[in-house]
Every structure is written in structure tokens, then in C-alpha cells.
């Protein structure tokens, strides 16, 4: 059962929040495992599913969530994108956020900070369509 806040923003249920927490922990484990693959830029890509209310998503994402992200020290670059439909098919995701880091070590340090924990804990407050995290090394 989804809880509705008094401010009207959509929230996801506890199971979805737990899934996001597990995804973040998995991303940290992937960072540790990928170190053997070499040094180079690394990035965390967050793929947001279609929200129940795109208007509410945008208001919270741009007005509350992203200002928290911008305050996190150690992120090299942040890229935001809205997905578009391809001919004959809806977009597979609603939005994409990419967080770039100097390397995997830098990423791991940033992901372990209290500021980044606050960011990841905030995702269930607006991502009613869910979120998938992908960690990668830029070649």
C-alpha cells in the first residue's frame, strides 16, 4: 500500500524503497569488484521509470532532489536527460541522471558519504515509477 503525504507528492512503498537501498548497496559492491578492471572515469547512471505524475516528479526532482545532489562534493560532472519515444515505441525510462567521477575509488568515497546517503534515501520520495542504478567504467 502506497502512502500519500499531506503535501500531495507521490511516495513509493517500503518494498520499492528497500529495492532502491539494495540497488545502492549492489552498486557499491560493483565498484569494489570493478577496481581490477583498471582506472578511468566512472559513472553512476540512474534510470527513472515513468512516474505516476510527471508534473509532481519534475517539481520534486528539480526543486528538492537535484539541489541535494549538487551539494555533494566529489562528483565531477552531472548530466540530466529526459527520455523520448522512438518511432513506434514509448521510451523505456522517463529520466536519466548521470553522476561522473574521476575513477572508481573516488566514486566509492562519494557514495559512502552522509550527503550521498541523504540523496539515495530521498529517491523513494518522488520516484513513483522506480529507479535503476547502473555503475560503469568509461572506456
N, C-alpha and C. Protein backbone atom coordinates (compact mmCIF):
# COMPACT_ATOMS: atom_id res chain seq x y z
N UNK A 1 0.83 -1.17 0.00
CA UNK A 1 0.00 0.00 0.00
C UNK A 1 0.88 1.24 0.00
N UNK A 2 0.63 2.14 -0.92
CA UNK A 2 1.39 3.37 -1.06
C UNK A 2 0.84 4.42 -0.13
N UNK A 3 1.73 5.09 0.59
CA UNK A 3 1.32 6.17 1.48
C UNK A 3 1.28 7.46 0.68
N UNK A 4 0.30 8.29 0.96
CA UNK A 4 0.20 9.59 0.33
C UNK A 4 0.56 10.63 1.37
N UNK A 5 1.47 11.51 1.05
CA UNK A 5 1.86 12.54 2.01
C UNK A 5 0.82 13.66 2.01
N UNK A 6 0.86 14.48 3.02
CA UNK A 6 -0.07 15.59 3.11
C UNK A 6 0.28 16.70 2.12
N UNK A 7 1.49 16.67 1.57
CA UNK A 7 1.87 17.68 0.59
C UNK A 7 1.49 17.28 -0.82
N UNK A 8 0.98 16.06 -1.00
CA UNK A 8 0.49 15.64 -2.30
C UNK A 8 1.52 14.97 -3.20
N UNK A 9 2.78 14.88 -2.78
CA UNK A 9 3.77 14.23 -3.64
C UNK A 9 3.66 12.71 -3.48
N UNK A 10 3.86 11.98 -4.60
CA UNK A 10 3.74 10.53 -4.58
C UNK A 10 4.94 9.91 -3.89
N UNK A 11 4.69 8.87 -3.12
CA UNK A 11 5.76 8.14 -2.44
C UNK A 11 5.63 6.68 -2.82
N UNK A 12 6.75 5.99 -2.85
CA UNK A 12 6.70 4.58 -3.18
C UNK A 12 6.65 3.76 -1.90
N UNK A 13 6.19 2.53 -2.02
CA UNK A 13 6.01 1.71 -0.84
C UNK A 13 7.35 1.22 -0.28
N UNK A 14 7.29 0.60 0.89
CA UNK A 14 8.50 0.15 1.58
C UNK A 14 9.28 -0.88 0.77
N UNK A 15 8.58 -1.77 0.07
CA UNK A 15 9.26 -2.78 -0.74
C UNK A 15 10.10 -2.10 -1.82
N UNK A 16 9.54 -1.09 -2.49
CA UNK A 16 10.29 -0.37 -3.52
C UNK A 16 11.46 0.38 -2.91
N UNK A 17 11.26 0.97 -1.74
CA UNK A 17 12.35 1.68 -1.06
C UNK A 17 13.47 0.71 -0.71
N UNK A 18 13.09 -0.48 -0.24
CA UNK A 18 14.09 -1.50 0.09
C UNK A 18 14.84 -1.92 -1.17
N UNK A 19 14.13 -2.04 -2.28
CA UNK A 19 14.77 -2.40 -3.55
C UNK A 19 15.80 -1.35 -3.94
N UNK A 20 15.47 -0.07 -3.76
CA UNK A 20 16.42 1.00 -4.08
C UNK A 20 17.64 0.95 -3.17
N UNK A 21 17.43 0.65 -1.90
CA UNK A 21 18.53 0.53 -0.95
C UNK A 21 19.44 -0.62 -1.35
N UNK A 22 18.85 -1.75 -1.71
CA UNK A 22 19.63 -2.91 -2.16
C UNK A 22 20.39 -2.56 -3.44
N UNK A 23 19.75 -1.82 -4.34
CA UNK A 23 20.42 -1.41 -5.59
C UNK A 23 21.64 -0.54 -5.29
N UNK A 24 21.49 0.38 -4.34
CA UNK A 24 22.63 1.23 -3.98
C UNK A 24 23.76 0.41 -3.38
N UNK A 25 23.42 -0.54 -2.52
CA UNK A 25 24.44 -1.42 -1.92
C UNK A 25 25.11 -2.27 -3.00
N UNK A 26 24.32 -2.74 -3.95
CA UNK A 26 24.86 -3.53 -5.06
C UNK A 26 25.81 -2.68 -5.90
N UNK A 27 25.45 -1.41 -6.10
CA UNK A 27 26.31 -0.51 -6.86
C UNK A 27 27.65 -0.34 -6.15
N UNK A 28 27.62 -0.20 -4.82
CA UNK A 28 28.88 -0.10 -4.07
C UNK A 28 29.71 -1.36 -4.23
N UNK A 29 29.06 -2.52 -4.18
CA UNK A 29 29.79 -3.79 -4.36
C UNK A 29 30.37 -3.86 -5.76
N UNK A 30 29.63 -3.39 -6.75
CA UNK A 30 30.13 -3.41 -8.13
C UNK A 30 31.36 -2.52 -8.28
N UNK A 31 31.36 -1.40 -7.57
CA UNK A 31 32.52 -0.51 -7.60
C UNK A 31 33.74 -1.25 -7.07
N UNK A 32 33.57 -1.94 -5.94
CA UNK A 32 34.70 -2.68 -5.37
C UNK A 32 35.18 -3.77 -6.32
N UNK A 33 34.25 -4.50 -6.93
CA UNK A 33 34.61 -5.60 -7.83
C UNK A 33 35.26 -5.11 -9.12
N UNK A 34 34.87 -3.92 -9.58
CA UNK A 34 35.36 -3.42 -10.85
C UNK A 34 36.74 -2.79 -10.77
N UNK A 35 37.26 -2.58 -9.57
CA UNK A 35 38.57 -1.95 -9.44
C UNK A 35 39.65 -2.67 -10.23
N UNK A 36 39.54 -3.97 -10.30
CA UNK A 36 40.55 -4.76 -11.02
C UNK A 36 40.55 -4.46 -12.51
N UNK A 37 39.47 -3.84 -12.99
CA UNK A 37 39.36 -3.57 -14.42
C UNK A 37 40.14 -2.33 -14.84
N UNK A 38 40.72 -1.64 -13.93
CA UNK A 38 41.57 -0.51 -14.28
C UNK A 38 41.02 0.82 -13.81
N UNK A 39 41.84 1.83 -13.96
CA UNK A 39 41.46 3.18 -13.58
C UNK A 39 40.88 3.89 -14.79
N UNK A 40 40.14 4.88 -14.53
CA UNK A 40 39.50 5.67 -15.57
C UNK A 40 38.24 6.26 -14.98
N UNK A 41 37.62 7.16 -15.71
CA UNK A 41 36.40 7.76 -15.20
C UNK A 41 35.35 6.69 -14.93
N UNK A 42 34.53 6.98 -13.94
CA UNK A 42 33.44 6.07 -13.60
C UNK A 42 32.17 6.91 -13.52
N UNK A 43 31.04 6.24 -13.71
CA UNK A 43 29.79 6.96 -13.57
C UNK A 43 28.71 6.07 -13.00
N UNK A 44 27.81 6.72 -12.29
CA UNK A 44 26.60 6.07 -11.79
C UNK A 44 25.45 6.65 -12.60
N UNK A 45 24.70 5.78 -13.25
CA UNK A 45 23.57 6.19 -14.06
C UNK A 45 22.30 5.76 -13.35
N UNK A 46 21.40 6.71 -13.13
CA UNK A 46 20.11 6.41 -12.50
C UNK A 46 19.05 6.52 -13.58
N UNK A 47 18.34 5.42 -13.80
CA UNK A 47 17.29 5.35 -14.81
C UNK A 47 15.94 5.36 -14.08
N UNK A 48 15.19 6.41 -14.25
CA UNK A 48 13.90 6.55 -13.57
C UNK A 48 12.77 6.04 -14.47
N UNK A 49 11.94 5.17 -13.91
CA UNK A 49 10.76 4.69 -14.63
C UNK A 49 9.71 5.78 -14.72
N UNK A 50 8.70 5.54 -15.57
CA UNK A 50 7.63 6.52 -15.77
C UNK A 50 6.90 6.76 -14.44
N UNK A 51 6.92 8.00 -13.95
CA UNK A 51 6.24 8.29 -12.69
C UNK A 51 4.72 8.34 -12.87
N UNK A 52 4.02 8.18 -11.76
CA UNK A 52 2.56 8.26 -11.80
C UNK A 52 2.12 9.66 -12.19
N UNK A 53 2.84 10.66 -11.75
CA UNK A 53 2.55 12.05 -12.10
C UNK A 53 3.85 12.73 -12.54
N UNK A 54 4.08 12.84 -13.85
CA UNK A 54 5.30 13.52 -14.31
C UNK A 54 5.45 14.94 -13.76
N UNK A 55 4.32 15.64 -13.60
CA UNK A 55 4.39 17.01 -13.07
C UNK A 55 4.93 17.02 -11.64
N UNK A 56 4.40 16.11 -10.79
CA UNK A 56 4.88 16.04 -9.41
C UNK A 56 6.34 15.60 -9.37
N UNK A 57 6.70 14.64 -10.23
CA UNK A 57 8.09 14.17 -10.31
C UNK A 57 9.01 15.34 -10.60
N UNK A 58 8.71 16.10 -11.66
CA UNK A 58 9.57 17.20 -12.09
C UNK A 58 9.70 18.25 -10.99
N UNK A 59 8.61 18.59 -10.35
CA UNK A 59 8.65 19.61 -9.30
C UNK A 59 9.58 19.18 -8.17
N UNK A 60 9.45 17.94 -7.71
CA UNK A 60 10.27 17.47 -6.60
C UNK A 60 11.71 17.22 -7.05
N UNK A 61 11.88 16.57 -8.19
CA UNK A 61 13.21 16.21 -8.71
C UNK A 61 14.07 17.46 -8.90
N UNK A 62 13.51 18.46 -9.59
CA UNK A 62 14.29 19.66 -9.88
C UNK A 62 14.34 20.64 -8.71
N UNK A 63 13.29 20.67 -7.90
CA UNK A 63 13.23 21.65 -6.82
C UNK A 63 13.80 21.20 -5.50
N UNK A 64 13.79 19.88 -5.25
CA UNK A 64 14.25 19.36 -3.96
C UNK A 64 15.42 18.38 -4.11
N UNK A 65 15.24 17.38 -4.95
CA UNK A 65 16.24 16.30 -5.03
C UNK A 65 17.56 16.77 -5.66
N UNK A 66 17.50 17.35 -6.83
CA UNK A 66 18.74 17.74 -7.50
C UNK A 66 19.54 18.79 -6.74
N UNK A 67 18.92 19.75 -6.05
CA UNK A 67 19.74 20.64 -5.22
C UNK A 67 20.55 19.88 -4.17
N UNK A 68 20.01 18.78 -3.65
CA UNK A 68 20.78 17.95 -2.70
C UNK A 68 21.97 17.32 -3.42
N UNK A 69 21.73 16.83 -4.64
CA UNK A 69 22.80 16.18 -5.41
C UNK A 69 23.91 17.18 -5.70
N UNK A 70 23.54 18.40 -6.10
CA UNK A 70 24.54 19.41 -6.44
C UNK A 70 25.42 19.80 -5.25
N UNK A 71 24.94 19.57 -4.04
CA UNK A 71 25.72 19.89 -2.83
C UNK A 71 26.75 18.82 -2.49
N UNK A 72 26.64 17.62 -3.09
CA UNK A 72 27.56 16.52 -2.78
C UNK A 72 28.92 16.83 -3.38
N UNK A 73 29.93 16.83 -2.53
CA UNK A 73 31.30 17.10 -3.00
C UNK A 73 31.91 15.83 -3.58
N UNK A 74 32.70 15.99 -4.65
CA UNK A 74 33.41 14.86 -5.25
C UNK A 74 32.80 14.35 -6.54
N UNK A 75 31.63 14.86 -6.91
CA UNK A 75 31.04 14.49 -8.20
C UNK A 75 31.67 15.39 -9.25
N UNK A 76 32.24 14.79 -10.27
CA UNK A 76 32.96 15.54 -11.30
C UNK A 76 32.01 16.26 -12.26
N UNK A 77 30.94 15.59 -12.64
CA UNK A 77 30.01 16.14 -13.61
C UNK A 77 28.64 15.49 -13.39
N UNK A 78 27.60 16.26 -13.63
CA UNK A 78 26.23 15.75 -13.50
C UNK A 78 25.51 16.04 -14.81
N UNK A 79 24.88 15.01 -15.36
CA UNK A 79 24.10 15.18 -16.59
C UNK A 79 22.67 14.71 -16.35
N UNK A 80 21.73 15.53 -16.77
CA UNK A 80 20.30 15.21 -16.65
C UNK A 80 19.72 15.10 -18.05
N UNK A 81 18.83 14.14 -18.23
CA UNK A 81 18.17 13.99 -19.54
C UNK A 81 16.77 13.46 -19.35
N UNK A 82 15.89 13.86 -20.26
CA UNK A 82 14.54 13.29 -20.34
C UNK A 82 14.52 12.36 -21.54
N UNK A 83 13.96 11.20 -21.36
CA UNK A 83 13.90 10.22 -22.44
C UNK A 83 12.77 10.57 -23.40
N UNK A 84 12.97 10.24 -24.66
CA UNK A 84 11.96 10.48 -25.69
C UNK A 84 11.60 9.15 -26.35
N UNK A 85 10.42 9.13 -26.92
CA UNK A 85 9.96 7.93 -27.59
C UNK A 85 10.72 7.73 -28.89
N UNK A 86 10.94 6.47 -29.23
CA UNK A 86 11.48 6.16 -30.54
C UNK A 86 10.28 5.82 -31.43
N UNK A 87 10.46 5.81 -32.74
CA UNK A 87 9.32 5.55 -33.62
C UNK A 87 8.59 4.25 -33.24
N UNK A 88 7.33 4.40 -32.90
CA UNK A 88 6.51 3.24 -32.60
C UNK A 88 6.67 2.64 -31.22
N UNK A 89 7.47 3.26 -30.36
CA UNK A 89 7.69 2.68 -29.02
C UNK A 89 7.82 3.79 -27.99
N UNK A 90 7.21 3.59 -26.84
CA UNK A 90 7.40 4.58 -25.77
C UNK A 90 8.81 4.48 -25.23
N UNK A 91 9.28 5.53 -24.56
CA UNK A 91 10.63 5.45 -24.00
C UNK A 91 10.68 4.40 -22.89
N UNK A 92 11.80 3.69 -22.77
CA UNK A 92 11.91 2.67 -21.73
C UNK A 92 12.04 3.26 -20.33
N UNK A 93 12.47 4.52 -20.24
CA UNK A 93 12.61 5.21 -18.97
C UNK A 93 12.11 6.64 -19.13
N UNK A 94 11.81 7.27 -18.02
CA UNK A 94 11.31 8.65 -18.04
C UNK A 94 12.47 9.66 -18.04
N UNK A 95 13.43 9.45 -17.14
CA UNK A 95 14.57 10.35 -16.99
C UNK A 95 15.83 9.56 -16.73
N UNK A 96 16.96 10.18 -17.05
CA UNK A 96 18.27 9.60 -16.79
C UNK A 96 19.12 10.66 -16.08
N UNK A 97 19.76 10.25 -14.99
CA UNK A 97 20.70 11.12 -14.30
C UNK A 97 22.04 10.41 -14.29
N UNK A 98 23.09 11.09 -14.75
CA UNK A 98 24.44 10.51 -14.74
C UNK A 98 25.33 11.33 -13.81
N UNK A 99 25.99 10.62 -12.91
CA UNK A 99 26.94 11.23 -11.99
C UNK A 99 28.33 10.71 -12.35
N UNK A 100 29.22 11.60 -12.75
CA UNK A 100 30.55 11.23 -13.20
C UNK A 100 31.56 11.47 -12.08
N UNK A 101 32.55 10.58 -12.03
CA UNK A 101 33.60 10.62 -11.01
C UNK A 101 34.95 10.42 -11.69
N UNK A 102 36.03 10.87 -11.03
CA UNK A 102 37.38 10.71 -11.58
C UNK A 102 37.72 9.25 -11.83
N UNK A 103 37.34 8.39 -10.89
CA UNK A 103 37.61 6.96 -11.01
C UNK A 103 36.74 6.21 -10.01
N UNK A 104 36.86 4.90 -9.98
CA UNK A 104 36.03 4.09 -9.09
C UNK A 104 36.30 4.36 -7.62
N UNK A 105 37.56 4.62 -7.29
CA UNK A 105 37.87 4.93 -5.89
C UNK A 105 37.15 6.20 -5.45
N UNK A 106 37.19 7.22 -6.30
CA UNK A 106 36.50 8.48 -5.98
C UNK A 106 35.00 8.25 -5.86
N UNK A 107 34.45 7.43 -6.75
CA UNK A 107 33.02 7.13 -6.69
C UNK A 107 32.65 6.47 -5.37
N UNK A 108 33.44 5.47 -4.99
CA UNK A 108 33.15 4.75 -3.76
C UNK A 108 33.19 5.69 -2.55
N UNK A 109 34.17 6.58 -2.52
CA UNK A 109 34.27 7.52 -1.41
C UNK A 109 33.04 8.43 -1.34
N UNK A 110 32.61 8.92 -2.49
CA UNK A 110 31.45 9.80 -2.52
C UNK A 110 30.18 9.04 -2.16
N UNK A 111 30.01 7.84 -2.69
CA UNK A 111 28.80 7.06 -2.40
C UNK A 111 28.68 6.70 -0.92
N UNK A 112 29.79 6.69 -0.22
CA UNK A 112 29.77 6.34 1.19
C UNK A 112 29.56 7.53 2.12
N UNK A 113 29.44 8.74 1.57
CA UNK A 113 29.29 9.93 2.42
C UNK A 113 27.87 10.09 2.93
N UNK A 114 27.71 10.76 4.07
CA UNK A 114 26.36 11.04 4.58
C UNK A 114 25.52 11.86 3.60
N UNK A 115 26.15 12.80 2.89
CA UNK A 115 25.40 13.61 1.92
C UNK A 115 24.81 12.74 0.81
N UNK A 116 25.59 11.77 0.33
CA UNK A 116 25.07 10.89 -0.73
C UNK A 116 24.03 9.94 -0.18
N UNK A 117 24.18 9.51 1.06
CA UNK A 117 23.16 8.66 1.68
C UNK A 117 21.84 9.41 1.75
N UNK A 118 21.89 10.70 2.07
CA UNK A 118 20.68 11.53 2.10
C UNK A 118 20.04 11.57 0.71
N UNK A 119 20.86 11.68 -0.32
CA UNK A 119 20.35 11.70 -1.70
C UNK A 119 19.66 10.38 -2.04
N UNK A 120 20.33 9.26 -1.78
CA UNK A 120 19.72 7.97 -2.12
C UNK A 120 18.49 7.68 -1.27
N UNK A 121 18.50 8.10 -0.02
CA UNK A 121 17.32 7.91 0.83
C UNK A 121 16.14 8.75 0.35
N UNK A 122 16.41 9.81 -0.40
CA UNK A 122 15.36 10.70 -0.88
C UNK A 122 14.63 10.16 -2.11
N UNK A 123 15.25 9.27 -2.86
CA UNK A 123 14.67 8.79 -4.13
C UNK A 123 13.24 8.26 -3.95
N UNK A 124 12.94 7.47 -2.94
CA UNK A 124 11.56 6.98 -2.80
C UNK A 124 10.52 8.09 -2.59
N UNK A 125 10.95 9.29 -2.26
CA UNK A 125 10.02 10.39 -2.04
C UNK A 125 9.39 10.92 -3.32
N UNK A 126 9.97 10.59 -4.49
CA UNK A 126 9.43 11.13 -5.74
C UNK A 126 9.43 10.14 -6.90
N UNK A 127 10.22 9.08 -6.83
CA UNK A 127 10.37 8.16 -7.96
C UNK A 127 9.30 7.07 -7.92
N UNK A 128 8.05 7.46 -8.16
CA UNK A 128 6.94 6.51 -8.09
C UNK A 128 7.02 5.44 -9.17
N UNK A 129 7.80 5.67 -10.22
CA UNK A 129 7.99 4.68 -11.28
C UNK A 129 9.21 3.81 -11.05
N UNK A 130 9.87 3.97 -9.90
CA UNK A 130 11.06 3.18 -9.59
C UNK A 130 12.32 3.79 -10.17
N UNK A 131 13.44 3.24 -9.78
CA UNK A 131 14.74 3.71 -10.25
C UNK A 131 15.70 2.54 -10.34
N UNK A 132 16.50 2.52 -11.39
CA UNK A 132 17.53 1.50 -11.59
C UNK A 132 18.87 2.21 -11.61
N UNK A 133 19.85 1.67 -10.88
CA UNK A 133 21.19 2.26 -10.83
C UNK A 133 22.15 1.36 -11.58
N UNK A 134 22.91 1.96 -12.49
CA UNK A 134 23.94 1.23 -13.25
C UNK A 134 25.28 1.92 -12.99
N UNK A 135 26.27 1.15 -12.57
CA UNK A 135 27.63 1.68 -12.36
C UNK A 135 28.49 1.20 -13.51
N UNK A 136 29.27 2.13 -14.09
CA UNK A 136 30.09 1.76 -15.24
C UNK A 136 31.43 2.46 -15.22
N UNK A 137 32.37 1.89 -15.96
CA UNK A 137 33.68 2.49 -16.18
C UNK A 137 33.69 3.03 -17.60
N UNK A 138 34.12 4.25 -17.76
CA UNK A 138 34.16 4.87 -19.07
C UNK A 138 35.44 4.45 -19.77
N UNK A 139 35.31 3.91 -20.94
CA UNK A 139 36.50 3.45 -21.70
C UNK A 139 36.88 4.43 -22.78
